[in-house]
PDB file of N, CA and C in Angstrom:
ATOM      1  N   UNK A   1       0.824  -1.193   0.000  1.00  0.00           N
ATOM      2  CA  UNK A   1       0.000   0.000   0.000  1.00  0.00           C
ATOM      3  C   UNK A   1       0.867   1.256   0.000  1.00  0.00           C
ATOM      4  N   UNK A   2       1.958   1.238   0.752  1.00  0.00           N
ATOM      5  CA  UNK A   2       2.859   2.387   0.805  1.00  0.00           C
ATOM      6  C   UNK A   2       3.465   2.641  -0.563  1.00  0.00           C
ATOM      7  N   UNK A   3       3.779   1.583  -1.288  1.00  0.00           N
ATOM      8  CA  UNK A   3       4.364   1.731  -2.612  1.00  0.00           C
ATOM      9  C   UNK A   3       3.370   2.396  -3.574  1.00  0.00           C
ATOM     10  N   UNK A   4       2.105   2.063  -3.434  1.00  0.00           N
ATOM     11  CA  UNK A   4       1.081   2.674  -4.279  1.00  0.00           C
ATOM     12  C   UNK A   4       1.053   4.186  -4.084  1.00  0.00           C
ATOM     13  N   UNK A   5       1.060   4.630  -2.821  1.00  0.00           N
ATOM     14  CA  UNK A   5       1.015   6.067  -2.538  1.00  0.00           C
ATOM     15  C   UNK A   5       2.315   6.756  -2.943  1.00  0.00           C
ATOM     16  N   UNK A   6       3.442   6.069  -2.809  1.00  0.00           N
ATOM     17  CA  UNK A   6       4.708   6.638  -3.266  1.00  0.00           C
ATOM     18  C   UNK A   6       4.701   6.831  -4.781  1.00  0.00           C
ATOM     19  N   UNK A   7       4.184   5.845  -5.502  1.00  0.00           N
ATOM     20  CA  UNK A   7       4.070   5.961  -6.960  1.00  0.00           C
ATOM     21  C   UNK A   7       3.107   7.078  -7.351  1.00  0.00           C
ATOM     22  N   UNK A   8       1.992   7.168  -6.642  1.00  0.00           N
ATOM     23  CA  UNK A   8       1.016   8.210  -6.906  1.00  0.00           C
ATOM     24  C   UNK A   8       1.629   9.589  -6.677  1.00  0.00           C
ATOM     25  N   UNK A   9       2.371   9.737  -5.606  1.00  0.00           N
ATOM     26  CA  UNK A   9       3.032  11.003  -5.286  1.00  0.00           C
ATOM     27  C   UNK A   9       4.057  11.361  -6.366  1.00  0.00           C
ATOM     28  N   UNK A  10       4.832  10.388  -6.810  1.00  0.00           N
ATOM     29  CA  UNK A  10       5.842  10.630  -7.843  1.00  0.00           C
ATOM     30  C   UNK A  10       5.188  11.002  -9.174  1.00  0.00           C
ATOM     31  N   UNK A  11       4.107  10.324  -9.523  1.00  0.00           N
ATOM     32  CA  UNK A  11       3.404  10.636 -10.762  1.00  0.00           C
ATOM     33  C   UNK A  11       2.784  12.027 -10.721  1.00  0.00           C
ATOM     34  N   UNK A  12       2.218  12.395  -9.594  1.00  0.00           N
ATOM     35  CA  UNK A  12       1.638  13.729  -9.447  1.00  0.00           C
ATOM     36  C   UNK A  12       2.726  14.805  -9.526  1.00  0.00           C
ATOM     37  N   UNK A  13       3.858  14.573  -8.894  1.00  0.00           N
ATOM     38  CA  UNK A  13       4.967  15.530  -8.953  1.00  0.00           C
ATOM     39  C   UNK A  13       5.474  15.681 -10.381  1.00  0.00           C
ATOM     40  N   UNK A  14       5.568  14.579 -11.109  1.00  0.00           N
ATOM     41  CA  UNK A  14       6.008  14.628 -12.504  1.00  0.00           C
ATOM     42  C   UNK A  14       4.999  15.393 -13.356  1.00  0.00           C
ATOM     43  N   UNK A  15       3.708  15.184 -13.105  1.00  0.00           N
ATOM     44  CA  UNK A  15       2.668  15.858 -13.868  1.00  0.00           C
ATOM     45  C   UNK A  15       2.655  17.364 -13.595  1.00  0.00           C
ATOM     46  N   UNK A  16       2.984  17.774 -12.371  1.00  0.00           N
ATOM     47  CA  UNK A  16       2.966  19.182 -12.002  1.00  0.00           C
ATOM     48  C   UNK A  16       4.217  19.936 -12.448  1.00  0.00           C
ATOM     49  N   UNK A  17       5.223  19.259 -12.935  1.00  0.00           N
ATOM     50  CA  UNK A  17       6.433  19.942 -13.388  1.00  0.00           C
ATOM     51  C   UNK A  17       6.098  20.891 -14.532  1.00  0.00           C
ATOM     52  N   UNK A  18       6.619  22.112 -14.435  1.00  0.00           N
ATOM     53  CA  UNK A  18       6.381  23.107 -15.461  1.00  0.00           C
ATOM     54  C   UNK A  18       5.075  23.850 -15.306  1.00  0.00           C
ATOM     55  N   UNK A  19       4.325  23.569 -14.268  1.00  0.00           N
ATOM     56  CA  UNK A  19       3.064  24.274 -14.021  1.00  0.00           C
ATOM     57  C   UNK A  19       3.299  25.321 -12.945  1.00  0.00           C
ATOM     58  N   UNK A  20       2.426  26.314 -12.895  1.00  0.00           N
ATOM     59  CA  UNK A  20       2.645  27.477 -12.035  1.00  0.00           C
ATOM     60  C   UNK A  20       2.482  27.157 -10.555  1.00  0.00           C
ATOM     61  N   UNK A  21       1.448  26.472 -10.172  1.00  0.00           N
ATOM     62  CA  UNK A  21       1.230  26.147  -8.766  1.00  0.00           C
ATOM     63  C   UNK A  21       0.457  27.239  -8.045  1.00  0.00           C
ATOM     64  N   UNK A  22       0.340  27.103  -6.745  1.00  0.00           N
ATOM     65  CA  UNK A  22      -0.449  28.038  -5.941  1.00  0.00           C
ATOM     66  C   UNK A  22       0.382  29.274  -5.602  1.00  0.00           C
ATOM     67  N   UNK A  23      -0.290  30.420  -5.597  1.00  0.00           N
ATOM     68  CA  UNK A  23       0.332  31.664  -5.167  1.00  0.00           C
ATOM     69  C   UNK A  23      -0.684  32.440  -4.330  1.00  0.00           C
ATOM     70  N   UNK A  24      -0.353  33.664  -3.958  1.00  0.00           N
ATOM     71  CA  UNK A  24      -1.227  34.444  -3.089  1.00  0.00           C
ATOM     72  C   UNK A  24      -2.566  34.745  -3.745  1.00  0.00           C
ATOM     73  N   UNK A  25      -2.561  35.081  -5.022  1.00  0.00           N
ATOM     74  CA  UNK A  25      -3.811  35.388  -5.718  1.00  0.00           C
ATOM     75  C   UNK A  25      -4.705  34.152  -5.808  1.00  0.00           C
ATOM     76  N   UNK A  26      -4.128  33.013  -6.105  1.00  0.00           N
ATOM     77  CA  UNK A  26      -4.920  31.777  -6.189  1.00  0.00           C
ATOM     78  C   UNK A  26      -5.527  31.424  -4.833  1.00  0.00           C
ATOM     79  N   UNK A  27      -4.734  31.584  -3.774  1.00  0.00           N
ATOM     80  CA  UNK A  27      -5.261  31.303  -2.438  1.00  0.00           C
ATOM     81  C   UNK A  27      -6.390  32.262  -2.075  1.00  0.00           C
ATOM     82  N   UNK A  28      -6.256  33.546  -2.454  1.00  0.00           N
ATOM     83  CA  UNK A  28      -7.319  34.523  -2.189  1.00  0.00           C
ATOM     84  C   UNK A  28      -8.591  34.161  -2.951  1.00  0.00           C
ATOM     85  N   UNK A  29      -8.443  33.773  -4.219  1.00  0.00           N
ATOM     86  CA  UNK A  29      -9.603  33.386  -5.023  1.00  0.00           C
ATOM     87  C   UNK A  29     -10.282  32.158  -4.409  1.00  0.00           C
ATOM     88  N   UNK A  30      -9.485  31.183  -3.971  1.00  0.00           N
ATOM     89  CA  UNK A  30     -10.069  29.995  -3.340  1.00  0.00           C
ATOM     90  C   UNK A  30     -10.793  30.337  -2.040  1.00  0.00           C
ATOM     91  N   UNK A  31     -10.209  31.220  -1.239  1.00  0.00           N
ATOM     92  CA  UNK A  31     -10.854  31.632   0.012  1.00  0.00           C
ATOM     93  C   UNK A  31     -12.187  32.324  -0.277  1.00  0.00           C
ATOM     94  N   UNK A  32     -12.189  33.229  -1.245  1.00  0.00           N
ATOM     95  CA  UNK A  32     -13.442  33.899  -1.616  1.00  0.00           C
ATOM     96  C   UNK A  32     -14.466  32.901  -2.134  1.00  0.00           C
ATOM     97  N   UNK A  33     -14.020  31.917  -2.891  1.00  0.00           N
ATOM     98  CA  UNK A  33     -14.932  30.900  -3.411  1.00  0.00           C
ATOM     99  C   UNK A  33     -15.544  30.078  -2.285  1.00  0.00           C
ATOM    100  N   UNK A  34     -14.748  29.756  -1.280  1.00  0.00           N
ATOM    101  CA  UNK A  34     -15.265  28.996  -0.145  1.00  0.00           C
ATOM    102  C   UNK A  34     -16.292  29.823   0.626  1.00  0.00           C
ATOM    103  N   UNK A  35     -15.992  31.109   0.833  1.00  0.00           N
ATOM    104  CA  UNK A  35     -16.944  31.988   1.529  1.00  0.00           C
ATOM    105  C   UNK A  35     -18.241  32.077   0.736  1.00  0.00           C
ATOM    106  N   UNK A  36     -18.142  32.237  -0.576  1.00  0.00           N
ATOM    107  CA  UNK A  36     -19.350  32.293  -1.398  1.00  0.00           C
ATOM    108  C   UNK A  36     -20.113  30.972  -1.384  1.00  0.00           C
ATOM    109  N   UNK A  37     -19.396  29.870  -1.334  1.00  0.00           N
ATOM    110  CA  UNK A  37     -20.057  28.569  -1.269  1.00  0.00           C
ATOM    111  C   UNK A  37     -20.864  28.440   0.022  1.00  0.00           C
ATOM    112  N   UNK A  38     -20.279  28.859   1.139  1.00  0.00           N
ATOM    113  CA  UNK A  38     -21.002  28.817   2.417  1.00  0.00           C
ATOM    114  C   UNK A  38     -22.210  29.749   2.365  1.00  0.00           C
ATOM    115  N   UNK A  39     -22.030  30.928   1.761  1.00  0.00           N
ATOM    116  CA  UNK A  39     -23.165  31.845   1.609  1.00  0.00           C
ATOM    117  C   UNK A  39     -24.269  31.244   0.745  1.00  0.00           C
ATOM    118  N   UNK A  40     -23.884  30.484  -0.266  1.00  0.00           N
ATOM    119  CA  UNK A  40     -24.900  29.870  -1.127  1.00  0.00           C
ATOM    120  C   UNK A  40     -25.698  28.809  -0.380  1.00  0.00           C
ATOM    121  N   UNK A  41     -25.101  28.214   0.648  1.00  0.00           N
ATOM    122  CA  UNK A  41     -25.847  27.258   1.472  1.00  0.00           C
ATOM    123  C   UNK A  41     -26.842  27.984   2.368  1.00  0.00           C
ATOM    124  N   UNK A  42     -26.454  29.172   2.831  1.00  0.00           N
ATOM    125  CA  UNK A  42     -27.301  29.937   3.741  1.00  0.00           C
ATOM    126  C   UNK A  42     -28.402  30.668   2.984  1.00  0.00           C
ATOM    127  N   UNK A  43     -28.022  31.344   1.909  1.00  0.00           N
ATOM    128  CA  UNK A  43     -28.980  32.121   1.121  1.00  0.00           C
ATOM    129  C   UNK A  43     -29.460  31.295  -0.065  1.00  0.00           C
ATOM    130  N   UNK A  44     -30.740  31.306  -0.338  1.00  0.00           N
ATOM    131  CA  UNK A  44     -31.263  30.491  -1.449  1.00  0.00           C
ATOM    132  C   UNK A  44     -31.125  31.176  -2.809  1.00  0.00           C
ATOM    133  N   UNK A  45     -29.918  31.698  -3.099  1.00  0.00           N
ATOM    134  CA  UNK A  45     -29.667  32.352  -4.383  1.00  0.00           C
ATOM    135  C   UNK A  45     -28.689  31.485  -5.162  1.00  0.00           C
ATOM    136  N   UNK A  46     -29.144  30.916  -6.263  1.00  0.00           N
ATOM    137  CA  UNK A  46     -28.321  29.996  -7.037  1.00  0.00           C
ATOM    138  C   UNK A  46     -27.133  30.659  -7.703  1.00  0.00           C
ATOM    139  N   UNK A  47     -27.228  31.955  -7.983  1.00  0.00           N
ATOM    140  CA  UNK A  47     -26.153  32.675  -8.648  1.00  0.00           C
ATOM    141  C   UNK A  47     -24.879  32.681  -7.807  1.00  0.00           C
ATOM    142  N   UNK A  48     -25.015  32.762  -6.510  1.00  0.00           N
ATOM    143  CA  UNK A  48     -23.843  32.773  -5.621  1.00  0.00           C
ATOM    144  C   UNK A  48     -23.068  31.471  -5.765  1.00  0.00           C
ATOM    145  N   UNK A  49     -23.767  30.366  -5.868  1.00  0.00           N
ATOM    146  CA  UNK A  49     -23.112  29.068  -6.041  1.00  0.00           C
ATOM    147  C   UNK A  49     -22.304  29.036  -7.331  1.00  0.00           C
ATOM    148  N   UNK A  50     -22.877  29.546  -8.413  1.00  0.00           N
ATOM    149  CA  UNK A  50     -22.189  29.505  -9.701  1.00  0.00           C
ATOM    150  C   UNK A  50     -20.991  30.462  -9.736  1.00  0.00           C
ATOM    151  N   UNK A  51     -21.089  31.584  -9.054  1.00  0.00           N
ATOM    152  CA  UNK A  51     -19.940  32.488  -8.943  1.00  0.00           C
ATOM    153  C   UNK A  51     -18.828  31.807  -8.145  1.00  0.00           C
ATOM    154  N   UNK A  52     -19.198  31.105  -7.085  1.00  0.00           N
ATOM    155  CA  UNK A  52     -18.235  30.353  -6.290  1.00  0.00           C
ATOM    156  C   UNK A  52     -17.551  29.284  -7.136  1.00  0.00           C
ATOM    157  N   UNK A  53     -18.319  28.582  -7.912  1.00  0.00           N
ATOM    158  CA  UNK A  53     -17.783  27.541  -8.791  1.00  0.00           C
ATOM    159  C   UNK A  53     -16.842  28.141  -9.835  1.00  0.00           C
ATOM    160  N   UNK A  54     -17.207  29.296 -10.387  1.00  0.00           N
ATOM    161  CA  UNK A  54     -16.351  29.969 -11.374  1.00  0.00           C
ATOM    162  C   UNK A  54     -15.026  30.389 -10.740  1.00  0.00           C
ATOM    163  N   UNK A  55     -15.075  30.869  -9.510  1.00  0.00           N
ATOM    164  CA  UNK A  55     -13.841  31.242  -8.809  1.00  0.00           C
ATOM    165  C   UNK A  55     -12.946  30.040  -8.582  1.00  0.00           C
ATOM    166  N   UNK A  56     -13.541  28.937  -8.221  1.00  0.00           N
ATOM    167  CA  UNK A  56     -12.767  27.709  -8.016  1.00  0.00           C
ATOM    168  C   UNK A  56     -12.098  27.267  -9.309  1.00  0.00           C
ATOM    169  N   UNK A  57     -12.836  27.312 -10.414  1.00  0.00           N
ATOM    170  CA  UNK A  57     -12.286  26.913 -11.715  1.00  0.00           C
ATOM    171  C   UNK A  57     -11.166  27.867 -12.124  1.00  0.00           C
ATOM    172  N   UNK A  58     -11.361  29.167 -11.872  1.00  0.00           N
ATOM    173  CA  UNK A  58     -10.340  30.152 -12.207  1.00  0.00           C
ATOM    174  C   UNK A  58      -9.056  29.900 -11.423  1.00  0.00           C
ATOM    175  N   UNK A  59      -9.183  29.652 -10.129  1.00  0.00           N
ATOM    176  CA  UNK A  59      -8.002  29.372  -9.301  1.00  0.00           C
ATOM    177  C   UNK A  59      -7.309  28.087  -9.765  1.00  0.00           C
ATOM    178  N   UNK A  60      -8.082  27.077 -10.088  1.00  0.00           N
ATOM    179  CA  UNK A  60      -7.513  25.817 -10.583  1.00  0.00           C
ATOM    180  C   UNK A  60      -6.791  26.040 -11.911  1.00  0.00           C
ATOM    181  N   UNK A  61      -7.390  26.827 -12.793  1.00  0.00           N
ATOM    182  CA  UNK A  61      -6.744  27.158 -14.063  1.00  0.00           C
ATOM    183  C   UNK A  61      -5.406  27.843 -13.823  1.00  0.00           C
ATOM    184  N   UNK A  62      -5.375  28.806 -12.884  1.00  0.00           N
ATOM    185  CA  UNK A  62      -4.131  29.522 -12.599  1.00  0.00           C
ATOM    186  C   UNK A  62      -3.065  28.572 -12.052  1.00  0.00           C
ATOM    187  N   UNK A  63      -3.455  27.656 -11.185  1.00  0.00           N
ATOM    188  CA  UNK A  63      -2.490  26.736 -10.584  1.00  0.00           C
ATOM    189  C   UNK A  63      -1.926  25.738 -11.587  1.00  0.00           C
ATOM    190  N   UNK A  64      -2.738  25.336 -12.542  1.00  0.00           N
ATOM    191  CA  UNK A  64      -2.299  24.326 -13.507  1.00  0.00           C
ATOM    192  C   UNK A  64      -1.738  24.926 -14.796  1.00  0.00           C
ATOM    193  N   UNK A  65      -1.705  26.252 -14.867  1.00  0.00           N
ATOM    194  CA  UNK A  65      -1.239  26.931 -16.071  1.00  0.00           C
ATOM    195  C   UNK A  65       0.251  26.714 -16.302  1.00  0.00           C
ATOM    196  N   UNK A  66       0.614  26.630 -17.568  1.00  0.00           N
ATOM    197  CA  UNK A  66       2.027  26.523 -17.934  1.00  0.00           C
ATOM    198  C   UNK A  66       2.596  27.877 -18.348  1.00  0.00           C
ATOM    199  N   UNK A  67       1.764  28.893 -18.418  1.00  0.00           N
ATOM    200  CA  UNK A  67       2.203  30.245 -18.755  1.00  0.00           C
ATOM    201  C   UNK A  67       2.650  30.937 -17.470  1.00  0.00           C
ATOM    202  N   UNK A  68       3.839  30.596 -17.024  1.00  0.00           N
ATOM    203  CA  UNK A  68       4.333  31.029 -15.722  1.00  0.00           C
ATOM    204  C   UNK A  68       4.524  32.540 -15.667  1.00  0.00           C
ATOM    205  N   UNK A  69       5.044  33.139 -16.734  1.00  0.00           N
ATOM    206  CA  UNK A  69       5.297  34.587 -16.729  1.00  0.00           C
ATOM    207  C   UNK A  69       4.002  35.381 -16.563  1.00  0.00           C
ATOM    208  N   UNK A  70       2.970  35.009 -17.281  1.00  0.00           N
ATOM    209  CA  UNK A  70       1.685  35.707 -17.192  1.00  0.00           C
ATOM    210  C   UNK A  70       1.078  35.572 -15.789  1.00  0.00           C
ATOM    211  N   UNK A  71       1.112  34.372 -15.210  1.00  0.00           N
ATOM    212  CA  UNK A  71       0.568  34.174 -13.863  1.00  0.00           C
ATOM    213  C   UNK A  71       1.380  34.943 -12.826  1.00  0.00           C
ATOM    214  N   UNK A  72       2.706  35.004 -13.006  1.00  0.00           N
ATOM    215  CA  UNK A  72       3.556  35.750 -12.069  1.00  0.00           C
ATOM    216  C   UNK A  72       3.247  37.247 -12.151  1.00  0.00           C
ATOM    217  N   UNK A  73       2.981  37.757 -13.359  1.00  0.00           N
ATOM    218  CA  UNK A  73       2.610  39.167 -13.501  1.00  0.00           C
ATOM    219  C   UNK A  73       1.277  39.453 -12.821  1.00  0.00           C
ATOM    220  N   UNK A  74       0.313  38.556 -12.992  1.00  0.00           N
ATOM    221  CA  UNK A  74      -0.986  38.725 -12.332  1.00  0.00           C
ATOM    222  C   UNK A  74      -0.823  38.746 -10.825  1.00  0.00           C
ATOM    223  N   UNK A  75      -0.004  37.838 -10.296  1.00  0.00           N
ATOM    224  CA  UNK A  75       0.217  37.783  -8.857  1.00  0.00           C
ATOM    225  C   UNK A  75       0.938  39.034  -8.370  1.00  0.00           C
ATOM    226  N   UNK A  76       1.921  39.526  -9.128  1.00  0.00           N
ATOM    227  CA  UNK A  76       2.646  40.736  -8.737  1.00  0.00           C
ATOM    228  C   UNK A  76       1.708  41.939  -8.706  1.00  0.00           C
ATOM    229  N   UNK A  77       0.806  42.033  -9.670  1.00  0.00           N
ATOM    230  CA  UNK A  77      -0.178  43.119  -9.685  1.00  0.00           C
ATOM    231  C   UNK A  77      -1.091  43.030  -8.471  1.00  0.00           C
ATOM    232  N   UNK A  78      -1.541  41.829  -8.152  1.00  0.00           N
ATOM    233  CA  UNK A  78      -2.391  41.621  -6.977  1.00  0.00           C
ATOM    234  C   UNK A  78      -1.653  42.031  -5.700  1.00  0.00           C
ATOM    235  N   UNK A  79      -0.406  41.602  -5.559  1.00  0.00           N
ATOM    236  CA  UNK A  79       0.369  41.933  -4.366  1.00  0.00           C
ATOM    237  C   UNK A  79       0.617  43.436  -4.264  1.00  0.00           C
ATOM    238  N   UNK A  80       0.849  44.082  -5.401  1.00  0.00           N
ATOM    239  CA  UNK A  80       1.079  45.524  -5.412  1.00  0.00           C
ATOM    240  C   UNK A  80      -0.170  46.285  -4.977  1.00  0.00           C
ATOM    241  N   UNK A  81      -1.326  45.848  -5.467  1.00  0.00           N
ATOM    242  CA  UNK A  81      -2.573  46.553  -5.153  1.00  0.00           C
ATOM    243  C   UNK A  81      -3.064  46.281  -3.737  1.00  0.00           C
ATOM    244  N   UNK A  82      -2.651  45.185  -3.140  1.00  0.00           N
ATOM    245  CA  UNK A  82      -3.107  44.860  -1.785  1.00  0.00           C
ATOM    246  C   UNK A  82      -2.021  45.054  -0.730  1.00  0.00           C
ATOM    247  N   UNK A  83      -0.903  45.657  -1.100  1.00  0.00           N
ATOM    248  CA  UNK A  83       0.212  45.814  -0.153  1.00  0.00           C
ATOM    249  C   UNK A  83      -0.201  46.631   1.073  1.00  0.00           C
ATOM    250  N   UNK A  84      -0.932  47.717   0.862  1.00  0.00           N
ATOM    251  CA  UNK A  84      -1.336  48.576   1.983  1.00  0.00           C
ATOM    252  C   UNK A  84      -2.253  47.820   2.944  1.00  0.00           C
ATOM    253  N   UNK A  85      -3.207  47.098   2.412  1.00  0.00           N
ATOM    254  CA  UNK A  85      -4.150  46.349   3.256  1.00  0.00           C
ATOM    255  C   UNK A  85      -3.424  45.260   4.034  1.00  0.00           C
ATOM    256  N   UNK A  86      -2.518  44.533   3.349  1.00  0.00           N
ATOM    257  CA  UNK A  86      -1.782  43.464   4.024  1.00  0.00           C
ATOM    258  C   UNK A  86      -0.874  44.021   5.120  1.00  0.00           C
ATOM    259  N   UNK A  87      -0.293  45.198   4.894  1.00  0.00           N
ATOM    260  CA  UNK A  87       0.545  45.832   5.917  1.00  0.00           C
ATOM    261  C   UNK A  87      -0.289  46.219   7.131  1.00  0.00           C
ATOM    262  N   UNK A  88      -1.458  46.801   6.890  1.00  0.00           N
ATOM    263  CA  UNK A  88      -2.347  47.178   7.988  1.00  0.00           C
ATOM    264  C   UNK A  88      -2.759  45.960   8.820  1.00  0.00           C
ATOM    265  N   UNK A  89      -3.095  44.874   8.160  1.00  0.00           N
ATOM    266  CA  UNK A  89      -3.500  43.653   8.864  1.00  0.00           C
ATOM    267  C   UNK A  89      -2.331  43.095   9.667  1.00  0.00           C
ATOM    268  N   UNK A  90      -1.163  43.089   9.082  1.00  0.00           N
ATOM    269  CA  UNK A  90       0.026  42.583   9.779  1.00  0.00           C
ATOM    270  C   UNK A  90       0.335  43.420  11.011  1.00  0.00           C
ATOM    271  N   UNK A  91       0.260  44.738  10.884  1.00  0.00           N
ATOM    272  CA  UNK A  91       0.516  45.609  12.026  1.00  0.00           C
ATOM    273  C   UNK A  91      -0.545  45.444  13.105  1.00  0.00           C
ATOM    274  N   UNK A  92      -1.787  45.249  12.695  1.00  0.00           N
ATOM    275  CA  UNK A  92      -2.859  45.036  13.672  1.00  0.00           C
ATOM    276  C   UNK A  92      -2.627  43.752  14.461  1.00  0.00           C
ATOM    277  N   UNK A  93      -2.137  42.715  13.791  1.00  0.00           N
ATOM    278  CA  UNK A  93      -1.831  41.460  14.494  1.00  0.00           C
ATOM    279  C   UNK A  93      -0.729  41.667  15.534  1.00  0.00           C
ATOM    280  N   UNK A  94       0.313  42.389  15.130  1.00  0.00           N
ATOM    281  CA  UNK A  94       1.426  42.642  16.057  1.00  0.00           C
ATOM    282  C   UNK A  94       0.943  43.466  17.233  1.00  0.00           C
ATOM    283  N   UNK A  95       0.142  44.500  16.980  1.00  0.00           N
ATOM    284  CA  UNK A  95      -0.387  45.335  18.070  1.00  0.00           C
ATOM    285  C   UNK A  95      -1.247  44.509  19.023  1.00  0.00           C
ATOM    286  N   UNK A  96      -2.074  43.632  18.463  1.00  0.00           N
ATOM    287  CA  UNK A  96      -2.919  42.809  19.317  1.00  0.00           C
ATOM    288  C   UNK A  96      -2.079  41.841  20.145  1.00  0.00           C
ATOM    289  N   UNK A  97      -1.059  41.277  19.527  1.00  0.00           N
ATOM    290  CA  UNK A  97      -0.190  40.336  20.230  1.00  0.00           C
ATOM    291  C   UNK A  97       0.560  41.031  21.372  1.00  0.00           C
ATOM    292  N   UNK A  98       0.964  42.282  21.165  1.00  0.00           N
ATOM    293  CA  UNK A  98       1.744  43.025  22.160  1.00  0.00           C
ATOM    294  C   UNK A  98       0.895  43.978  22.989  1.00  0.00           C
ATOM    295  N   UNK A  99      -0.412  43.809  23.010  1.00  0.00           N
ATOM    296  CA  UNK A  99      -1.305  44.747  23.682  1.00  0.00           C
ATOM    297  C   UNK A  99      -1.081  44.838  25.188  1.00  0.00           C
ATOM    298  N   UNK A 100      -0.525  43.787  25.795  1.00  0.00           N
ATOM    299  CA  UNK A 100      -0.313  43.806  27.245  1.00  0.00           C
ATOM    300  C   UNK A 100       1.002  44.471  27.624  1.00  0.00           C
ATOM    301  N   UNK A 101       1.946  44.549  26.664  1.00  0.00           N
ATOM    302  CA  UNK A 101       3.236  45.150  26.974  1.00  0.00           C
ATOM    303  C   UNK A 101       3.355  46.600  26.488  1.00  0.00           C
ATOM    304  N   UNK A 102       2.632  46.959  25.431  1.00  0.00           N
ATOM    305  CA  UNK A 102       2.786  48.279  24.826  1.00  0.00           C
ATOM    306  C   UNK A 102       1.428  48.944  24.653  1.00  0.00           C
ATOM    307  N   UNK A 103       1.459  50.290  24.625  1.00  0.00           N
ATOM    308  CA  UNK A 103       0.288  51.095  24.294  1.00  0.00           C
ATOM    309  C   UNK A 103       0.590  51.856  23.021  1.00  0.00           C
ATOM    310  N   UNK A 104      -0.284  51.734  22.039  1.00  0.00           N
ATOM    311  CA  UNK A 104      -0.085  52.399  20.749  1.00  0.00           C
ATOM    312  C   UNK A 104      -0.943  53.652  20.698  1.00  0.00           C
ATOM    313  N   UNK A 105      -0.331  54.741  20.242  1.00  0.00           N
ATOM    314  CA  UNK A 105      -1.028  56.027  20.119  1.00  0.00           C
ATOM    315  C   UNK A 105      -1.061  56.455  18.675  1.00  0.00           C
TER     316      UNK A 105
END
C-alpha cells in the first residue's frame, strides 16, 4: 500500500512539473470561493453558487497553467494593489499580540 502512494506522489509531482502552482492570488480566489459557497448554502440564491464555482475553476486554471510569466505578472499586480491592506493587517496582528506590553497612540 505504501508503494502505491509513493508511486502516486511521484506521478503527481512529474505531472505538475512546469506548471505554475499556488500563489497568493490563487489562495485569495479559493478563500473567496469557499466563503461564497457557504453563503450559497445559507442564502437560497443559485447565482452565488455559480460564482463560487467559477472562482474555483479560475483558481484551478491559474495553478495548472504553464504560462508562468503571465501568472507571475498577475500575482505581482495583486500583491502591489493589496500591499497597503496586508501591511495594515500585519501591524494590527502585532499590536494585538503586544497589547499587554505596549500602548499604541
